[in-house]
Amino acid sequence: MSTWAQINLMDPSSYIMTQMNLFHDHAMILLVGIFVFVILMGVSLLKNKFHGRLVHEAQTLEIIWTIVPALLLVWLALPSLRLLYLMDEHPQSSNTLKAVGHQWYWSYELPAKDNLMLDSYMLPESSLESGQYRLLEVDNRPAVPYSFDTMIITTSSDVIHAWALPSLGIKMDAVPGRLNSMNINPFVPGIFYGQCSEICGANHSYMPIVLEAISMEDFTNL
C-alpha cells in the first residue's frame, strides 16, 4: 500500500500493474526528454545574438518539427494501446467475485463457494487492533486465490461507485443496472487495500475495499 510522502506508483502485485509501471516509466522518459530539450533551446535562444528578421520561411525546419513530434506520439501511443488491450482481456476463469456497491459499504458474492455472500463495512476506529489501518480496515474480507485468474464483476444498488485496488491495477465503475467486469491475477499472497473512487455521497470516504489473496489450497478449504 502507499506510504507517507510517496511520489511514485505503488509496488505492483499483478501483471497488469507491472505493465502500468513500465508504461509510466516509458512516458516519463519522453516527458523529461522534451522538457530538457525545451529548456536547452530556451537558454540557447536567450544567449545567442542572431535574429531571423529577414527569414520568411524555413520549410526544412517546419518539416522536422512536424515529423519529430508525430513520431514521438506514435512512440507513446503504441505501448498505451497495448496496455489498454491487456486490461480488456478476459481469460476463461472458474472463479468469480461479484462486488455490489451500496451507500456506504460493499457486499460480495462468491459463486464458486456456494454463492457465499458477505457485507463489508469499514471498522470504526474504536474496533481497530494494533497494526490495522485507520479508515481502511473492514469487518469482512473477500478472498481470492493468487496466481489464478479471477473475474471481478461490479454493479451498484443505488448510485455510481467505483471498485479500485491500486496495487492490482484495477479501477472499475459500479453502475446501477449494469455489470462491468475485469480480470485480476495477484502474483503474490497478501492483503490489498483500496477505496471507492467515485464520489457517491456523504460517506464516500468511509467504504474501503479490502481483498485477501490466499493460496488455492486455503481458498478451496474456505
C-alpha atoms as a PDB file:
ATOM      1  CA  MET A   1       0.000   0.000   0.000  1.00  0.00           C
ATOM      2  CA  SER A   2       1.045   3.616  -0.356  1.00  0.00           C
ATOM      3  CA  THR A   3       3.043   5.367   2.356  1.00  0.00           C
ATOM      4  CA  TRP A   4       3.561   8.937   3.508  1.00  0.00           C
ATOM      5  CA  ALA A   5       5.407  11.194   1.059  1.00  0.00           C
ATOM      6  CA  GLN A   6       5.280   8.536  -1.653  1.00  0.00           C
ATOM      7  CA  ILE A   7       5.802  10.145  -5.066  1.00  0.00           C
ATOM      8  CA  ASN A   8       5.862   7.062  -7.252  1.00  0.00           C
ATOM      9  CA  LEU A   9       3.304   4.381  -8.053  1.00  0.00           C
ATOM     10  CA  MET A  10       2.616   1.519  -5.670  1.00  0.00           C
ATOM     11  CA  ASP A  11       4.618  -1.691  -5.904  1.00  0.00           C
ATOM     12  CA  PRO A  12       2.856  -3.932  -8.443  1.00  0.00           C
ATOM     13  CA  SER A  13       1.158  -7.106  -7.254  1.00  0.00           C
ATOM     14  CA  SER A  14      -0.228  -8.208 -10.612  1.00  0.00           C
ATOM     15  CA  TYR A  15       0.939  -8.436 -14.200  1.00  0.00           C
ATOM     16  CA  ILE A  16      -1.310  -5.556 -15.298  1.00  0.00           C
ATOM     17  CA  MET A  17       0.055  -3.235 -12.619  1.00  0.00           C
ATOM     18  CA  THR A  18       3.601  -4.197 -13.645  1.00  0.00           C
ATOM     19  CA  GLN A  19       2.790  -3.147 -17.204  1.00  0.00           C
ATOM     20  CA  MET A  20       1.298   0.121 -15.914  1.00  0.00           C
ATOM     21  CA  ASN A  21       4.527   0.870 -14.051  1.00  0.00           C
ATOM     22  CA  LEU A  22       6.566   0.168 -17.181  1.00  0.00           C
ATOM     23  CA  PHE A  23       4.326   2.433 -19.257  1.00  0.00           C
ATOM     24  CA  HIS A  24       4.671   5.156 -16.617  1.00  0.00           C
ATOM     25  CA  ASP A  25       8.466   4.925 -16.899  1.00  0.00           C
ATOM     26  CA  HIS A  26       8.212   4.889 -20.705  1.00  0.00           C
ATOM     27  CA  ALA A  27       6.087   8.058 -20.714  1.00  0.00           C
ATOM     28  CA  MET A  28       8.333   9.804 -18.170  1.00  0.00           C
ATOM     29  CA  ILE A  29      11.381   9.243 -20.381  1.00  0.00           C
ATOM     30  CA  LEU A  30       9.584  11.041 -23.204  1.00  0.00           C
ATOM     31  CA  LEU A  31       8.317  13.884 -20.999  1.00  0.00           C
ATOM     32  CA  VAL A  32      11.654  14.502 -19.289  1.00  0.00           C
ATOM     33  CA  GLY A  33      13.438  14.417 -22.654  1.00  0.00           C
ATOM     34  CA  ILE A  34      11.056  17.013 -24.124  1.00  0.00           C
ATOM     35  CA  PHE A  35      11.360  19.182 -21.005  1.00  0.00           C
ATOM     36  CA  VAL A  36      15.181  19.140 -21.121  1.00  0.00           C
ATOM     37  CA  PHE A  37      15.181  19.863 -24.863  1.00  0.00           C
ATOM     38  CA  VAL A  38      12.840  22.853 -24.463  1.00  0.00           C
ATOM     39  CA  ILE A  39      14.916  24.252 -21.589  1.00  0.00           C
ATOM     40  CA  LEU A  40      18.136  23.940 -23.604  1.00  0.00           C
ATOM     41  CA  MET A  41      16.545  25.575 -26.636  1.00  0.00           C
ATOM     42  CA  GLY A  42      15.175  28.401 -24.489  1.00  0.00           C
ATOM     43  CA  VAL A  43      18.556  29.082 -22.906  1.00  0.00           C
ATOM     44  CA  SER A  44      20.219  28.939 -26.331  1.00  0.00           C
ATOM     45  CA  LEU A  45      17.769  31.454 -27.795  1.00  0.00           C
ATOM     46  CA  LEU A  46      18.259  33.817 -24.879  1.00  0.00           C
ATOM     47  CA  LYS A  47      22.035  33.751 -25.212  1.00  0.00           C
ATOM     48  CA  ASN A  48      22.507  33.986 -28.982  1.00  0.00           C
ATOM     49  CA  LYS A  49      22.846  37.397 -30.687  1.00  0.00           C
ATOM     50  CA  PHE A  50      21.406  36.438 -34.070  1.00  0.00           C
ATOM     51  CA  HIS A  51      17.934  37.207 -35.288  1.00  0.00           C
ATOM     52  CA  GLY A  52      15.677  35.998 -38.100  1.00  0.00           C
ATOM     53  CA  ARG A  53      14.128  39.304 -39.137  1.00  0.00           C
ATOM     54  CA  LEU A  54      14.694  38.630 -42.847  1.00  0.00           C
ATOM     55  CA  VAL A  55      13.739  34.919 -42.788  1.00  0.00           C
ATOM     56  CA  HIS A  56      10.276  34.445 -44.280  1.00  0.00           C
ATOM     57  CA  GLU A  57      10.047  30.662 -44.435  1.00  0.00           C
ATOM     58  CA  ALA A  58      12.012  27.619 -43.330  1.00  0.00           C
ATOM     59  CA  GLN A  59      10.429  24.569 -44.918  1.00  0.00           C
ATOM     60  CA  THR A  60      13.074  22.130 -43.722  1.00  0.00           C
ATOM     61  CA  LEU A  61      12.623  23.270 -40.128  1.00  0.00           C
ATOM     62  CA  GLU A  62       8.836  23.055 -40.387  1.00  0.00           C
ATOM     63  CA  ILE A  63       9.052  19.517 -41.781  1.00  0.00           C
ATOM     64  CA  ILE A  64      11.341  18.495 -38.929  1.00  0.00           C
ATOM     65  CA  TRP A  65       9.201  19.984 -36.151  1.00  0.00           C
ATOM     66  CA  THR A  66       6.121  18.317 -37.650  1.00  0.00           C
ATOM     67  CA  ILE A  67       7.546  14.837 -38.223  1.00  0.00           C
ATOM     68  CA  VAL A  68       9.519  14.513 -34.978  1.00  0.00           C
ATOM     69  CA  PRO A  69       6.533  15.197 -32.629  1.00  0.00           C
ATOM     70  CA  ALA A  70       4.413  12.820 -34.733  1.00  0.00           C
ATOM     71  CA  LEU A  71       6.997  10.051 -34.264  1.00  0.00           C
ATOM     72  CA  LEU A  72       7.153  10.786 -30.526  1.00  0.00           C
ATOM     73  CA  LEU A  73       3.361  10.475 -30.285  1.00  0.00           C
ATOM     74  CA  VAL A  74       3.490   7.121 -32.075  1.00  0.00           C
ATOM     75  CA  TRP A  75       6.240   6.033 -29.680  1.00  0.00           C
ATOM     76  CA  LEU A  76       3.881   6.888 -26.807  1.00  0.00           C
ATOM     77  CA  ALA A  77       0.674   5.547 -28.389  1.00  0.00           C
ATOM     78  CA  LEU A  78       1.832   2.013 -29.263  1.00  0.00           C
ATOM     79  CA  PRO A  79       2.554   0.828 -25.679  1.00  0.00           C
ATOM     80  CA  SER A  80      -0.545   2.706 -24.494  1.00  0.00           C
ATOM     81  CA  LEU A  81      -2.788   0.779 -26.893  1.00  0.00           C
ATOM     82  CA  ARG A  82      -1.089  -2.471 -25.931  1.00  0.00           C
ATOM     83  CA  LEU A  83      -1.802  -1.790 -22.256  1.00  0.00           C
ATOM     84  CA  LEU A  84      -5.447  -0.952 -22.981  1.00  0.00           C
ATOM     85  CA  TYR A  85      -5.925  -4.251 -24.792  1.00  0.00           C
ATOM     86  CA  LEU A  86      -4.205  -6.158 -21.981  1.00  0.00           C
ATOM     87  CA  MET A  87      -6.556  -4.592 -19.427  1.00  0.00           C
ATOM     88  CA  ASP A  88      -9.555  -5.584 -21.530  1.00  0.00           C
ATOM     89  CA  GLU A  89      -8.570  -9.244 -21.783  1.00  0.00           C
ATOM     90  CA  HIS A  90     -10.859 -11.702 -20.026  1.00  0.00           C
ATOM     91  CA  PRO A  91      -9.211 -15.133 -19.728  1.00  0.00           C
ATOM     92  CA  GLN A  92     -11.538 -18.025 -19.017  1.00  0.00           C
ATOM     93  CA  SER A  93     -11.732 -18.478 -15.265  1.00  0.00           C
ATOM     94  CA  SER A  94     -13.677 -20.762 -12.979  1.00  0.00           C
ATOM     95  CA  ASN A  95     -13.579 -18.219 -10.163  1.00  0.00           C
ATOM     96  CA  THR A  96     -15.761 -15.116  -9.992  1.00  0.00           C
ATOM     97  CA  LEU A  97     -16.153 -12.411  -7.371  1.00  0.00           C
ATOM     98  CA  LYS A  98     -19.181 -10.143  -7.576  1.00  0.00           C
ATOM     99  CA  ALA A  99     -18.932  -6.754  -5.835  1.00  0.00           C
ATOM    100  CA  VAL A 100     -22.027  -4.608  -5.269  1.00  0.00           C
ATOM    101  CA  GLY A 101     -21.709  -1.008  -4.112  1.00  0.00           C
ATOM    102  CA  HIS A 102     -24.105   0.427  -1.543  1.00  0.00           C
ATOM    103  CA  GLN A 103     -24.322   3.703   0.323  1.00  0.00           C
ATOM    104  CA  TRP A 104     -21.914   3.155   2.050  1.00  0.00           C
ATOM    105  CA  TYR A 105     -20.466  -0.344   2.115  1.00  0.00           C
ATOM    106  CA  TRP A 106     -19.661  -3.192  -0.262  1.00  0.00           C
ATOM    107  CA  SER A 107     -21.322  -6.574  -0.489  1.00  0.00           C
ATOM    108  CA  TYR A 108     -19.664  -9.558  -2.134  1.00  0.00           C
ATOM    109  CA  GLU A 109     -20.770 -12.839  -3.610  1.00  0.00           C
ATOM    110  CA  LEU A 110     -18.580 -15.843  -4.392  1.00  0.00           C
ATOM    111  CA  PRO A 111     -20.434 -18.233  -6.738  1.00  0.00           C
ATOM    112  CA  ALA A 112     -17.594 -20.779  -6.503  1.00  0.00           C
ATOM    113  CA  LYS A 113     -18.184 -21.070  -2.740  1.00  0.00           C
ATOM    114  CA  ASP A 114     -21.886 -21.977  -2.891  1.00  0.00           C
ATOM    115  CA  ASN A 115     -22.844 -18.344  -3.523  1.00  0.00           C
ATOM    116  CA  LEU A 116     -21.223 -17.207  -0.297  1.00  0.00           C
ATOM    117  CA  MET A 117     -22.424 -13.656   0.435  1.00  0.00           C
ATOM    118  CA  LEU A 118     -20.942 -11.164   2.860  1.00  0.00           C
ATOM    119  CA  ASP A 119     -21.211  -7.472   3.655  1.00  0.00           C
ATOM    120  CA  SER A 120     -18.015  -5.490   4.110  1.00  0.00           C
ATOM    121  CA  TYR A 121     -18.247  -2.440   6.400  1.00  0.00           C
ATOM    122  CA  MET A 122     -15.418  -0.183   7.493  1.00  0.00           C
ATOM    123  CA  LEU A 123     -14.219  -0.890  11.026  1.00  0.00           C
ATOM    124  CA  PRO A 124     -14.691   2.072  13.382  1.00  0.00           C
ATOM    125  CA  GLU A 125     -11.551   3.422  14.974  1.00  0.00           C
ATOM    126  CA  SER A 126     -12.565   2.035  18.379  1.00  0.00           C
ATOM    127  CA  SER A 127     -12.542  -1.519  16.965  1.00  0.00           C
ATOM    128  CA  LEU A 128      -9.093  -1.403  15.365  1.00  0.00           C
ATOM    129  CA  GLU A 129      -6.375  -3.707  16.661  1.00  0.00           C
ATOM    130  CA  SER A 130      -2.649  -2.995  16.763  1.00  0.00           C
ATOM    131  CA  GLY A 131      -1.209  -2.836  13.239  1.00  0.00           C
ATOM    132  CA  GLN A 132      -4.508  -2.239  11.471  1.00  0.00           C
ATOM    133  CA  TYR A 133      -5.042   0.786   9.259  1.00  0.00           C
ATOM    134  CA  ARG A 134      -7.486   3.556  10.121  1.00  0.00           C
ATOM    135  CA  LEU A 135     -10.216   4.129   7.506  1.00  0.00           C
ATOM    136  CA  LEU A 136      -9.038   1.098   5.523  1.00  0.00           C
ATOM    137  CA  GLU A 137      -9.904  -1.987   7.562  1.00  0.00           C
ATOM    138  CA  VAL A 138     -13.199  -3.839   7.107  1.00  0.00           C
ATOM    139  CA  ASP A 139     -15.051  -6.426   9.140  1.00  0.00           C
ATOM    140  CA  ASN A 140     -15.292  -8.998   6.300  1.00  0.00           C
ATOM    141  CA  ARG A 141     -12.624  -9.501   3.653  1.00  0.00           C
ATOM    142  CA  PRO A 142     -13.413 -11.407   0.461  1.00  0.00           C
ATOM    143  CA  ALA A 143     -10.670 -13.844  -0.530  1.00  0.00           C
ATOM    144  CA  VAL A 144      -9.390 -14.937  -3.936  1.00  0.00           C
ATOM    145  CA  PRO A 145      -6.573 -17.344  -4.873  1.00  0.00           C
ATOM    146  CA  TYR A 146      -3.305 -15.830  -6.023  1.00  0.00           C
ATOM    147  CA  SER A 147      -1.592 -16.919  -9.266  1.00  0.00           C
ATOM    148  CA  PHE A 148      -5.073 -17.686 -10.567  1.00  0.00           C
ATOM    149  CA  ASP A 149      -7.388 -15.647 -12.784  1.00  0.00           C
ATOM    150  CA  THR A 150     -10.460 -14.248 -11.047  1.00  0.00           C
ATOM    151  CA  MET A 151     -13.234 -12.386 -12.809  1.00  0.00           C
ATOM    152  CA  ILE A 152     -14.420  -9.329 -10.862  1.00  0.00           C
ATOM    153  CA  ILE A 153     -17.979  -8.246 -11.666  1.00  0.00           C
ATOM    154  CA  THR A 154     -19.243  -4.958 -10.256  1.00  0.00           C
ATOM    155  CA  THR A 155     -22.600  -3.259 -10.065  1.00  0.00           C
ATOM    156  CA  SER A 156     -24.421  -0.923  -7.697  1.00  0.00           C
ATOM    157  CA  SER A 157     -27.706  -0.919  -5.837  1.00  0.00           C
ATOM    158  CA  ASP A 158     -28.103   2.867  -5.658  1.00  0.00           C
ATOM    159  CA  VAL A 159     -25.619   5.388  -7.118  1.00  0.00           C
ATOM    160  CA  ILE A 160     -22.399   5.080  -9.096  1.00  0.00           C
ATOM    161  CA  HIS A 161     -19.458   3.742  -7.103  1.00  0.00           C
ATOM    162  CA  ALA A 162     -16.002   2.612  -8.244  1.00  0.00           C
ATOM    163  CA  TRP A 163     -14.195  -0.545  -7.090  1.00  0.00           C
ATOM    164  CA  ALA A 164     -10.460   0.190  -7.060  1.00  0.00           C
ATOM    165  CA  LEU A 165      -7.353  -1.658  -5.869  1.00  0.00           C
ATOM    166  CA  PRO A 166      -4.289   0.354  -6.964  1.00  0.00           C
ATOM    167  CA  SER A 167      -1.648  -2.311  -6.285  1.00  0.00           C
ATOM    168  CA  LEU A 168      -3.519  -4.717  -8.583  1.00  0.00           C
ATOM    169  CA  GLY A 169      -4.036  -2.095 -11.282  1.00  0.00           C
ATOM    170  CA  ILE A 170      -7.824  -2.220 -11.205  1.00  0.00           C
ATOM    171  CA  LYS A 171     -10.399   0.559 -11.103  1.00  0.00           C
ATOM    172  CA  MET A 172     -13.896  -0.285 -12.278  1.00  0.00           C
ATOM    173  CA  ASP A 173     -17.144   1.663 -12.097  1.00  0.00           C
ATOM    174  CA  ALA A 174     -20.088   0.074 -10.281  1.00  0.00           C
ATOM    175  CA  VAL A 175     -23.122   1.392 -12.144  1.00  0.00           C
ATOM    176  CA  PRO A 176     -26.773   0.686 -11.197  1.00  0.00           C
ATOM    177  CA  GLY A 177     -28.416  -1.663 -13.685  1.00  0.00           C
ATOM    178  CA  ARG A 178     -25.147  -2.532 -15.401  1.00  0.00           C
ATOM    179  CA  LEU A 179     -22.498  -5.228 -14.970  1.00  0.00           C
ATOM    180  CA  ASN A 180     -18.841  -4.306 -15.512  1.00  0.00           C
ATOM    181  CA  SER A 181     -16.101  -6.905 -15.399  1.00  0.00           C
ATOM    182  CA  MET A 182     -12.312  -7.083 -15.229  1.00  0.00           C
ATOM    183  CA  ASN A 183      -9.795  -9.812 -14.611  1.00  0.00           C
ATOM    184  CA  ILE A 184      -7.304  -9.893 -11.739  1.00  0.00           C
ATOM    185  CA  ASN A 185      -4.450 -12.279 -11.065  1.00  0.00           C
ATOM    186  CA  PRO A 186      -2.374 -11.400  -7.991  1.00  0.00           C
ATOM    187  CA  PHE A 187       1.058 -12.976  -8.246  1.00  0.00           C
ATOM    188  CA  VAL A 188       1.772 -12.720  -4.515  1.00  0.00           C
ATOM    189  CA  PRO A 189      -0.308 -13.546  -1.435  1.00  0.00           C
ATOM    190  CA  GLY A 190      -1.308 -10.661   0.781  1.00  0.00           C
ATOM    191  CA  ILE A 191      -3.943  -8.131   1.728  1.00  0.00           C
ATOM    192  CA  PHE A 192      -4.705  -5.392  -0.782  1.00  0.00           C
ATOM    193  CA  TYR A 193      -6.370  -2.122   0.167  1.00  0.00           C
ATOM    194  CA  GLY A 194      -8.424   0.262  -1.907  1.00  0.00           C
ATOM    195  CA  GLN A 195     -11.253   2.756  -1.644  1.00  0.00           C
ATOM    196  CA  CYS A 196     -14.334   3.783  -3.560  1.00  0.00           C
ATOM    197  CA  SER A 197     -13.041   6.060  -6.324  1.00  0.00           C
ATOM    198  CA  GLU A 198     -16.286   7.714  -7.405  1.00  0.00           C
ATOM    199  CA  ILE A 199     -17.872  10.401  -5.239  1.00  0.00           C
ATOM    200  CA  CYS A 200     -21.065   8.660  -4.112  1.00  0.00           C
ATOM    201  CA  GLY A 201     -22.416  10.711  -1.217  1.00  0.00           C
ATOM    202  CA  ALA A 202     -21.738  11.905   2.305  1.00  0.00           C
ATOM    203  CA  ASN A 203     -19.857   8.788   3.436  1.00  0.00           C
ATOM    204  CA  HIS A 204     -17.937   8.247   0.210  1.00  0.00           C
ATOM    205  CA  SER A 205     -14.656   8.200   2.156  1.00  0.00           C
ATOM    206  CA  TYR A 206     -15.869   5.515   4.529  1.00  0.00           C
ATOM    207  CA  MET A 207     -16.396   2.486   2.300  1.00  0.00           C
ATOM    208  CA  PRO A 208     -12.918   0.952   1.877  1.00  0.00           C
ATOM    209  CA  ILE A 209     -12.142  -2.120  -0.200  1.00  0.00           C
ATOM    210  CA  VAL A 210     -10.002  -4.937   1.179  1.00  0.00           C
ATOM    211  CA  LEU A 211      -9.159  -8.077  -0.791  1.00  0.00           C
ATOM    212  CA  GLU A 212      -7.156 -11.010   0.531  1.00  0.00           C
ATOM    213  CA  ALA A 213      -5.106 -13.179  -1.826  1.00  0.00           C
ATOM    214  CA  ILE A 214      -4.512 -16.669  -0.458  1.00  0.00           C
ATOM    215  CA  SER A 215      -3.248 -19.971  -1.788  1.00  0.00           C
ATOM    216  CA  MET A 216      -5.526 -22.173  -3.827  1.00  0.00           C
ATOM    217  CA  GLU A 217      -5.457 -24.803  -1.093  1.00  0.00           C
ATOM    218  CA  ASP A 218      -6.634 -22.311   1.531  1.00  0.00           C
ATOM    219  CA  PHE A 219      -9.249 -20.952  -0.872  1.00  0.00           C
ATOM    220  CA  THR A 220     -10.603 -24.449  -1.515  1.00  0.00           C
ATOM    221  CA  ASN A 221     -10.903 -25.043   2.234  1.00  0.00           C
ATOM    222  CA  LEU A 222     -12.869 -21.842   2.912  1.00  0.00           C
END
